[in-house]
């Protein structure tokens, strides 16, 4: 596990920046539901794009992976919208 983190450190750092920045953006836009939804969509889009880059560079990018990430993002969006009561 640690070797995997060291090998893909840049990729994990980008994920951390995407989610950390996204959470800050959601926090600072509280009270404005439209901006929070746009923030969630932006986070989801960046996560999807970076995941495709990561799999293209380091692994084989298959249609199943694209579908899997799409479903995970959809589930995450539904959960986030429910938790934030947007």
PDB file of N, CA and C in Angstrom:
ATOM      1  N   UNK A   1       0.822  -1.201   0.000  1.00  0.00           N
ATOM      2  CA  UNK A   1       0.000   0.000   0.000  1.00  0.00           C
ATOM      3  C   UNK A   1       0.862   1.260   0.000  1.00  0.00           C
ATOM      4  N   UNK A   2       1.877   1.297   0.864  1.00  0.00           N
ATOM      5  CA  UNK A   2       2.738   2.485   0.938  1.00  0.00           C
ATOM      6  C   UNK A   2       3.515   2.660  -0.367  1.00  0.00           C
ATOM      7  N   UNK A   3       3.930   1.548  -0.973  1.00  0.00           N
ATOM      8  CA  UNK A   3       4.638   1.655  -2.254  1.00  0.00           C
ATOM      9  C   UNK A   3       3.726   2.249  -3.323  1.00  0.00           C
ATOM     10  N   UNK A   4       2.448   1.864  -3.285  1.00  0.00           N
ATOM     11  CA  UNK A   4       1.484   2.382  -4.241  1.00  0.00           C
ATOM     12  C   UNK A   4       1.288   3.887  -4.056  1.00  0.00           C
ATOM     13  N   UNK A   5       1.224   4.336  -2.803  1.00  0.00           N
ATOM     14  CA  UNK A   5       1.081   5.768  -2.528  1.00  0.00           C
ATOM     15  C   UNK A   5       2.315   6.528  -3.006  1.00  0.00           C
ATOM     16  N   UNK A   6       3.485   5.983  -2.749  1.00  0.00           N
ATOM     17  CA  UNK A   6       4.719   6.644  -3.182  1.00  0.00           C
ATOM     18  C   UNK A   6       4.809   6.678  -4.709  1.00  0.00           C
ATOM     19  N   UNK A   7       4.386   5.604  -5.347  1.00  0.00           N
ATOM     20  CA  UNK A   7       4.463   5.519  -6.810  1.00  0.00           C
ATOM     21  C   UNK A   7       3.522   6.511  -7.480  1.00  0.00           C
ATOM     22  N   UNK A   8       2.349   6.712  -6.888  1.00  0.00           N
ATOM     23  CA  UNK A   8       1.328   7.578  -7.484  1.00  0.00           C
ATOM     24  C   UNK A   8       1.077   8.816  -6.631  1.00  0.00           C
ATOM     25  N   UNK A   9       2.092   9.315  -5.974  1.00  0.00           N
ATOM     26  CA  UNK A   9       1.942  10.428  -5.039  1.00  0.00           C
ATOM     27  C   UNK A   9       1.305  11.656  -5.699  1.00  0.00           C
ATOM     28  N   UNK A  10       1.742  12.005  -6.890  1.00  0.00           N
ATOM     29  CA  UNK A  10       1.206  13.178  -7.581  1.00  0.00           C
ATOM     30  C   UNK A  10      -0.292  13.022  -7.828  1.00  0.00           C
ATOM     31  N   UNK A  11      -0.709  11.840  -8.238  1.00  0.00           N
ATOM     32  CA  UNK A  11      -2.126  11.608  -8.507  1.00  0.00           C
ATOM     33  C   UNK A  11      -2.956  11.758  -7.235  1.00  0.00           C
ATOM     34  N   UNK A  12      -2.465  11.200  -6.127  1.00  0.00           N
ATOM     35  CA  UNK A  12      -3.192  11.321  -4.869  1.00  0.00           C
ATOM     36  C   UNK A  12      -3.186  12.761  -4.364  1.00  0.00           C
ATOM     37  N   UNK A  13      -2.123  13.484  -4.620  1.00  0.00           N
ATOM     38  CA  UNK A  13      -2.062  14.889  -4.232  1.00  0.00           C
ATOM     39  C   UNK A  13      -3.112  15.703  -4.995  1.00  0.00           C
ATOM     40  N   UNK A  14      -3.265  15.417  -6.284  1.00  0.00           N
ATOM     41  CA  UNK A  14      -4.282  16.117  -7.074  1.00  0.00           C
ATOM     42  C   UNK A  14      -5.678  15.798  -6.545  1.00  0.00           C
ATOM     43  N   UNK A  15      -5.937  14.523  -6.207  1.00  0.00           N
ATOM     44  CA  UNK A  15      -7.226  14.161  -5.611  1.00  0.00           C
ATOM     45  C   UNK A  15      -7.461  14.935  -4.320  1.00  0.00           C
ATOM     46  N   UNK A  16      -6.440  15.047  -3.488  1.00  0.00           N
ATOM     47  CA  UNK A  16      -6.551  15.777  -2.230  1.00  0.00           C
ATOM     48  C   UNK A  16      -6.872  17.252  -2.485  1.00  0.00           C
ATOM     49  N   UNK A  17      -6.233  17.837  -3.464  1.00  0.00           N
ATOM     50  CA  UNK A  17      -6.494  19.237  -3.802  1.00  0.00           C
ATOM     51  C   UNK A  17      -7.917  19.408  -4.328  1.00  0.00           C
ATOM     52  N   UNK A  18      -8.364  18.489  -5.182  1.00  0.00           N
ATOM     53  CA  UNK A  18      -9.723  18.569  -5.724  1.00  0.00           C
ATOM     54  C   UNK A  18     -10.748  18.513  -4.600  1.00  0.00           C
ATOM     55  N   UNK A  19     -10.628  17.509  -3.726  1.00  0.00           N
ATOM     56  CA  UNK A  19     -11.627  17.347  -2.674  1.00  0.00           C
ATOM     57  C   UNK A  19     -11.473  18.383  -1.567  1.00  0.00           C
ATOM     58  N   UNK A  20     -10.261  18.721  -1.196  1.00  0.00           N
ATOM     59  CA  UNK A  20     -10.052  19.742  -0.170  1.00  0.00           C
ATOM     60  C   UNK A  20     -10.550  21.099  -0.625  1.00  0.00           C
ATOM     61  N   UNK A  21     -10.174  21.476  -1.838  1.00  0.00           N
ATOM     62  CA  UNK A  21     -10.649  22.748  -2.388  1.00  0.00           C
ATOM     63  C   UNK A  21     -12.154  22.754  -2.573  1.00  0.00           C
ATOM     64  N   UNK A  22     -12.690  21.627  -2.986  1.00  0.00           N
ATOM     65  CA  UNK A  22     -14.134  21.524  -3.168  1.00  0.00           C
ATOM     66  C   UNK A  22     -14.893  21.663  -1.864  1.00  0.00           C
ATOM     67  N   UNK A  23     -14.383  21.022  -0.831  1.00  0.00           N
ATOM     68  CA  UNK A  23     -15.044  21.149   0.475  1.00  0.00           C
ATOM     69  C   UNK A  23     -14.979  22.573   0.999  1.00  0.00           C
ATOM     70  N   UNK A  24     -13.855  23.234   0.795  1.00  0.00           N
ATOM     71  CA  UNK A  24     -13.765  24.644   1.194  1.00  0.00           C
ATOM     72  C   UNK A  24     -14.753  25.495   0.408  1.00  0.00           C
ATOM     73  N   UNK A  25     -14.859  25.234  -0.878  1.00  0.00           N
ATOM     74  CA  UNK A  25     -15.788  25.986  -1.715  1.00  0.00           C
ATOM     75  C   UNK A  25     -17.227  25.772  -1.262  1.00  0.00           C
ATOM     76  N   UNK A  26     -17.576  24.540  -0.948  1.00  0.00           N
ATOM     77  CA  UNK A  26     -18.926  24.256  -0.450  1.00  0.00           C
ATOM     78  C   UNK A  26     -19.157  24.953   0.890  1.00  0.00           C
ATOM     79  N   UNK A  27     -18.146  24.940   1.751  1.00  0.00           N
ATOM     80  CA  UNK A  27     -18.279  25.598   3.052  1.00  0.00           C
ATOM     81  C   UNK A  27     -18.504  27.106   2.885  1.00  0.00           C
ATOM     82  N   UNK A  28     -17.740  27.728   1.999  1.00  0.00           N
ATOM     83  CA  UNK A  28     -17.847  29.176   1.836  1.00  0.00           C
ATOM     84  C   UNK A  28     -19.078  29.607   1.053  1.00  0.00           C
ATOM     85  N   UNK A  29     -19.728  28.674   0.372  1.00  0.00           N
ATOM     86  CA  UNK A  29     -20.946  29.020  -0.367  1.00  0.00           C
ATOM     87  C   UNK A  29     -22.198  28.532   0.353  1.00  0.00           C
ATOM     88  N   UNK A  30     -22.059  28.199   1.639  1.00  0.00           N
ATOM     89  CA  UNK A  30     -23.243  27.734   2.375  1.00  0.00           C
ATOM     90  C   UNK A  30     -24.282  28.855   2.397  1.00  0.00           C
ATOM     91  N   UNK A  31     -25.508  28.420   2.296  1.00  0.00           N
ATOM     92  CA  UNK A  31     -26.582  29.395   2.209  1.00  0.00           C
ATOM     93  C   UNK A  31     -26.993  29.683   0.781  1.00  0.00           C
ATOM     94  N   UNK A  32     -26.147  29.379  -0.174  1.00  0.00           N
ATOM     95  CA  UNK A  32     -26.460  29.575  -1.586  1.00  0.00           C
ATOM     96  C   UNK A  32     -26.488  28.196  -2.250  1.00  0.00           C
ATOM     97  N   UNK A  33     -27.680  27.615  -2.298  1.00  0.00           N
ATOM     98  CA  UNK A  33     -27.821  26.253  -2.790  1.00  0.00           C
ATOM     99  C   UNK A  33     -27.372  26.086  -4.238  1.00  0.00           C
ATOM    100  N   UNK A  34     -27.618  27.075  -5.055  1.00  0.00           N
ATOM    101  CA  UNK A  34     -27.224  26.976  -6.467  1.00  0.00           C
ATOM    102  C   UNK A  34     -25.711  26.869  -6.612  1.00  0.00           C
ATOM    103  N   UNK A  35     -24.982  27.695  -5.868  1.00  0.00           N
ATOM    104  CA  UNK A  35     -23.521  27.633  -5.936  1.00  0.00           C
ATOM    105  C   UNK A  35     -22.982  26.329  -5.355  1.00  0.00           C
ATOM    106  N   UNK A  36     -23.650  25.809  -4.347  1.00  0.00           N
ATOM    107  CA  UNK A  36     -23.203  24.538  -3.784  1.00  0.00           C
ATOM    108  C   UNK A  36     -23.395  23.394  -4.778  1.00  0.00           C
ATOM    109  N   UNK A  37     -24.518  23.408  -5.483  1.00  0.00           N
ATOM    110  CA  UNK A  37     -24.746  22.375  -6.497  1.00  0.00           C
ATOM    111  C   UNK A  37     -23.714  22.499  -7.611  1.00  0.00           C
ATOM    112  N   UNK A  38     -23.434  23.716  -8.039  1.00  0.00           N
ATOM    113  CA  UNK A  38     -22.408  23.918  -9.072  1.00  0.00           C
ATOM    114  C   UNK A  38     -21.036  23.476  -8.571  1.00  0.00           C
ATOM    115  N   UNK A  39     -20.753  23.720  -7.302  1.00  0.00           N
ATOM    116  CA  UNK A  39     -19.493  23.283  -6.718  1.00  0.00           C
ATOM    117  C   UNK A  39     -19.394  21.766  -6.731  1.00  0.00           C
ATOM    118  N   UNK A  40     -20.476  21.091  -6.349  1.00  0.00           N
ATOM    119  CA  UNK A  40     -20.490  19.630  -6.363  1.00  0.00           C
ATOM    120  C   UNK A  40     -20.299  19.085  -7.777  1.00  0.00           C
ATOM    121  N   UNK A  41     -20.948  19.719  -8.744  1.00  0.00           N
ATOM    122  CA  UNK A  41     -20.780  19.290 -10.129  1.00  0.00           C
ATOM    123  C   UNK A  41     -19.341  19.504 -10.598  1.00  0.00           C
ATOM    124  N   UNK A  42     -18.747  20.614 -10.188  1.00  0.00           N
ATOM    125  CA  UNK A  42     -17.348  20.879 -10.543  1.00  0.00           C
ATOM    126  C   UNK A  42     -16.396  19.866  -9.930  1.00  0.00           C
ATOM    127  N   UNK A  43     -16.623  19.544  -8.659  1.00  0.00           N
ATOM    128  CA  UNK A  43     -15.791  18.537  -7.981  1.00  0.00           C
ATOM    129  C   UNK A  43     -15.930  17.197  -8.695  1.00  0.00           C
ATOM    130  N   UNK A  44     -17.162  16.826  -8.994  1.00  0.00           N
ATOM    131  CA  UNK A  44     -17.405  15.545  -9.666  1.00  0.00           C
ATOM    132  C   UNK A  44     -16.741  15.511 -11.040  1.00  0.00           C
ATOM    133  N   UNK A  45     -16.849  16.607 -11.772  1.00  0.00           N
ATOM    134  CA  UNK A  45     -16.226  16.668 -13.097  1.00  0.00           C
ATOM    135  C   UNK A  45     -14.715  16.575 -13.040  1.00  0.00           C
ATOM    136  N   UNK A  46     -14.106  17.310 -12.115  1.00  0.00           N
ATOM    137  CA  UNK A  46     -12.650  17.254 -11.963  1.00  0.00           C
ATOM    138  C   UNK A  46     -12.185  15.878 -11.510  1.00  0.00           C
ATOM    139  N   UNK A  47     -12.933  15.270 -10.585  1.00  0.00           N
ATOM    140  CA  UNK A  47     -12.601  13.924 -10.113  1.00  0.00           C
ATOM    141  C   UNK A  47     -12.654  12.927 -11.263  1.00  0.00           C
ATOM    142  N   UNK A  48     -13.706  13.014 -12.078  1.00  0.00           N
ATOM    143  CA  UNK A  48     -13.856  12.098 -13.214  1.00  0.00           C
ATOM    144  C   UNK A  48     -12.723  12.290 -14.221  1.00  0.00           C
ATOM    145  N   UNK A  49     -12.438  13.539 -14.556  1.00  0.00           N
ATOM    146  CA  UNK A  49     -11.372  13.797 -15.533  1.00  0.00           C
ATOM    147  C   UNK A  49     -10.019  13.322 -15.025  1.00  0.00           C
ATOM    148  N   UNK A  50      -9.700  13.595 -13.762  1.00  0.00           N
ATOM    149  CA  UNK A  50      -8.402  13.175 -13.248  1.00  0.00           C
ATOM    150  C   UNK A  50      -8.319  11.657 -13.132  1.00  0.00           C
ATOM    151  N   UNK A  51      -9.428  11.004 -12.794  1.00  0.00           N
ATOM    152  CA  UNK A  51      -9.436   9.541 -12.724  1.00  0.00           C
ATOM    153  C   UNK A  51      -9.167   8.941 -14.100  1.00  0.00           C
ATOM    154  N   UNK A  52      -9.730   9.548 -15.144  1.00  0.00           N
ATOM    155  CA  UNK A  52      -9.492   9.042 -16.499  1.00  0.00           C
ATOM    156  C   UNK A  52      -8.031   9.254 -16.903  1.00  0.00           C
ATOM    157  N   UNK A  53      -7.465  10.394 -16.532  1.00  0.00           N
ATOM    158  CA  UNK A  53      -6.048  10.650 -16.809  1.00  0.00           C
ATOM    159  C   UNK A  53      -5.190   9.618 -16.080  1.00  0.00           C
ATOM    160  N   UNK A  54      -5.489   9.398 -14.807  1.00  0.00           N
ATOM    161  CA  UNK A  54      -4.717   8.451 -13.999  1.00  0.00           C
ATOM    162  C   UNK A  54      -4.759   7.050 -14.614  1.00  0.00           C
ATOM    163  N   UNK A  55      -5.935   6.596 -14.980  1.00  0.00           N
ATOM    164  CA  UNK A  55      -6.044   5.250 -15.541  1.00  0.00           C
ATOM    165  C   UNK A  55      -5.447   5.168 -16.936  1.00  0.00           C
ATOM    166  N   UNK A  56      -5.527   6.229 -17.690  1.00  0.00           N
ATOM    167  CA  UNK A  56      -4.919   6.228 -19.027  1.00  0.00           C
ATOM    168  C   UNK A  56      -3.400   6.159 -18.939  1.00  0.00           C
ATOM    169  N   UNK A  57      -2.825   6.887 -18.001  1.00  0.00           N
ATOM    170  CA  UNK A  57      -1.369   6.945 -17.866  1.00  0.00           C
ATOM    171  C   UNK A  57      -0.811   5.692 -17.198  1.00  0.00           C
ATOM    172  N   UNK A  58      -1.452   5.216 -16.157  1.00  0.00           N
ATOM    173  CA  UNK A  58      -0.875   4.153 -15.333  1.00  0.00           C
ATOM    174  C   UNK A  58      -1.485   2.775 -15.538  1.00  0.00           C
ATOM    175  N   UNK A  59      -2.615   2.700 -16.129  1.00  0.00           N
ATOM    176  CA  UNK A  59      -3.307   1.427 -16.289  1.00  0.00           C
ATOM    177  C   UNK A  59      -3.927   1.393 -17.674  1.00  0.00           C
ATOM    178  N   UNK A  60      -4.682   0.407 -17.884  1.00  0.00           N
ATOM    179  CA  UNK A  60      -5.466   0.377 -19.119  1.00  0.00           C
ATOM    180  C   UNK A  60      -6.834   0.985 -18.842  1.00  0.00           C
ATOM    181  N   UNK A  61      -7.203   1.901 -19.669  1.00  0.00           N
ATOM    182  CA  UNK A  61      -8.497   2.560 -19.517  1.00  0.00           C
ATOM    183  C   UNK A  61      -9.529   1.760 -20.307  1.00  0.00           C
ATOM    184  N   UNK A  62     -10.454   1.118 -19.603  1.00  0.00           N
ATOM    185  CA  UNK A  62     -11.492   0.301 -20.216  1.00  0.00           C
ATOM    186  C   UNK A  62     -12.850   0.969 -20.041  1.00  0.00           C
ATOM    187  N   UNK A  63     -13.790   0.640 -20.914  1.00  0.00           N
ATOM    188  CA  UNK A  63     -15.141   1.200 -20.746  1.00  0.00           C
ATOM    189  C   UNK A  63     -15.754   0.880 -19.385  1.00  0.00           C
ATOM    190  N   UNK A  64     -15.416  -0.293 -18.826  1.00  0.00           N
ATOM    191  CA  UNK A  64     -15.960  -0.659 -17.523  1.00  0.00           C
ATOM    192  C   UNK A  64     -15.493   0.314 -16.442  1.00  0.00           C
ATOM    193  N   UNK A  65     -14.269   0.785 -16.554  1.00  0.00           N
ATOM    194  CA  UNK A  65     -13.732   1.739 -15.575  1.00  0.00           C
ATOM    195  C   UNK A  65     -14.467   3.069 -15.685  1.00  0.00           C
ATOM    196  N   UNK A  66     -14.738   3.491 -16.918  1.00  0.00           N
ATOM    197  CA  UNK A  66     -15.465   4.751 -17.121  1.00  0.00           C
ATOM    198  C   UNK A  66     -16.861   4.653 -16.504  1.00  0.00           C
ATOM    199  N   UNK A  67     -17.544   3.536 -16.736  1.00  0.00           N
ATOM    200  CA  UNK A  67     -18.880   3.335 -16.185  1.00  0.00           C
ATOM    201  C   UNK A  67     -18.814   3.277 -14.656  1.00  0.00           C
ATOM    202  N   UNK A  68     -17.823   2.571 -14.133  1.00  0.00           N
ATOM    203  CA  UNK A  68     -17.685   2.458 -12.680  1.00  0.00           C
ATOM    204  C   UNK A  68     -17.503   3.830 -12.040  1.00  0.00           C
ATOM    205  N   UNK A  69     -16.617   4.633 -12.580  1.00  0.00           N
ATOM    206  CA  UNK A  69     -16.414   5.976 -12.027  1.00  0.00           C
ATOM    207  C   UNK A  69     -17.680   6.819 -12.170  1.00  0.00           C
ATOM    208  N   UNK A  70     -18.369   6.692 -13.292  1.00  0.00           N
ATOM    209  CA  UNK A  70     -19.618   7.431 -13.468  1.00  0.00           C
ATOM    210  C   UNK A  70     -20.653   7.072 -12.426  1.00  0.00           C
ATOM    211  N   UNK A  71     -20.781   5.771 -12.126  1.00  0.00           N
ATOM    212  CA  UNK A  71     -21.746   5.332 -11.116  1.00  0.00           C
ATOM    213  C   UNK A  71     -21.334   5.771  -9.713  1.00  0.00           C
ATOM    214  N   UNK A  72     -20.045   5.701  -9.415  1.00  0.00           N
ATOM    215  CA  UNK A  72     -19.554   6.154  -8.108  1.00  0.00           C
ATOM    216  C   UNK A  72     -19.827   7.645  -7.933  1.00  0.00           C
ATOM    217  N   UNK A  73     -19.579   8.416  -8.980  1.00  0.00           N
ATOM    218  CA  UNK A  73     -19.826   9.859  -8.920  1.00  0.00           C
ATOM    219  C   UNK A  73     -21.315  10.140  -8.747  1.00  0.00           C
ATOM    220  N   UNK A  74     -22.156   9.412  -9.467  1.00  0.00           N
ATOM    221  CA  UNK A  74     -23.596   9.592  -9.327  1.00  0.00           C
ATOM    222  C   UNK A  74     -24.046   9.289  -7.902  1.00  0.00           C
ATOM    223  N   UNK A  75     -23.560   8.202  -7.346  1.00  0.00           N
ATOM    224  CA  UNK A  75     -23.891   7.857  -5.967  1.00  0.00           C
ATOM    225  C   UNK A  75     -23.392   8.931  -4.997  1.00  0.00           C
ATOM    226  N   UNK A  76     -22.177   9.414  -5.211  1.00  0.00           N
ATOM    227  CA  UNK A  76     -21.628  10.470  -4.362  1.00  0.00           C
ATOM    228  C   UNK A  76     -22.431  11.755  -4.447  1.00  0.00           C
ATOM    229  N   UNK A  77     -22.868  12.104  -5.653  1.00  0.00           N
ATOM    230  CA  UNK A  77     -23.674  13.319  -5.825  1.00  0.00           C
ATOM    231  C   UNK A  77     -25.011  13.192  -5.094  1.00  0.00           C
ATOM    232  N   UNK A  78     -25.649  12.046  -5.235  1.00  0.00           N
ATOM    233  CA  UNK A  78     -26.927  11.831  -4.555  1.00  0.00           C
ATOM    234  C   UNK A  78     -26.736  11.908  -3.043  1.00  0.00           C
ATOM    235  N   UNK A  79     -25.700  11.267  -2.548  1.00  0.00           N
ATOM    236  CA  UNK A  79     -25.422  11.289  -1.112  1.00  0.00           C
ATOM    237  C   UNK A  79     -25.115  12.708  -0.626  1.00  0.00           C
ATOM    238  N   UNK A  80     -24.286  13.424  -1.361  1.00  0.00           N
ATOM    239  CA  UNK A  80     -23.934  14.789  -0.972  1.00  0.00           C
ATOM    240  C   UNK A  80     -25.154  15.702  -0.991  1.00  0.00           C
ATOM    241  N   UNK A  81     -25.970  15.591  -2.019  1.00  0.00           N
ATOM    242  CA  UNK A  81     -27.172  16.421  -2.094  1.00  0.00           C
ATOM    243  C   UNK A  81     -28.125  16.111  -0.955  1.00  0.00           C
ATOM    244  N   UNK A  82     -28.212  14.835  -0.591  1.00  0.00           N
ATOM    245  CA  UNK A  82     -29.069  14.446   0.527  1.00  0.00           C
ATOM    246  C   UNK A  82     -28.514  14.969   1.847  1.00  0.00           C
ATOM    247  N   UNK A  83     -27.209  14.832   2.054  1.00  0.00           N
ATOM    248  CA  UNK A  83     -26.594  15.276   3.310  1.00  0.00           C
ATOM    249  C   UNK A  83     -26.623  16.786   3.481  1.00  0.00           C
ATOM    250  N   UNK A  84     -26.416  17.500   2.369  1.00  0.00           N
ATOM    251  CA  UNK A  84     -26.422  18.958   2.442  1.00  0.00           C
ATOM    252  C   UNK A  84     -27.833  19.515   2.348  1.00  0.00           C
ATOM    253  N   UNK A  85     -28.812  18.646   2.094  1.00  0.00           N
ATOM    254  CA  UNK A  85     -30.227  19.031   1.961  1.00  0.00           C
ATOM    255  C   UNK A  85     -30.402  20.153   0.948  1.00  0.00           C
ATOM    256  N   UNK A  86     -29.766  19.970  -0.182  1.00  0.00           N
ATOM    257  CA  UNK A  86     -29.844  20.984  -1.242  1.00  0.00           C
ATOM    258  C   UNK A  86     -31.078  20.713  -2.089  1.00  0.00           C
TER     259      UNK A  86
END
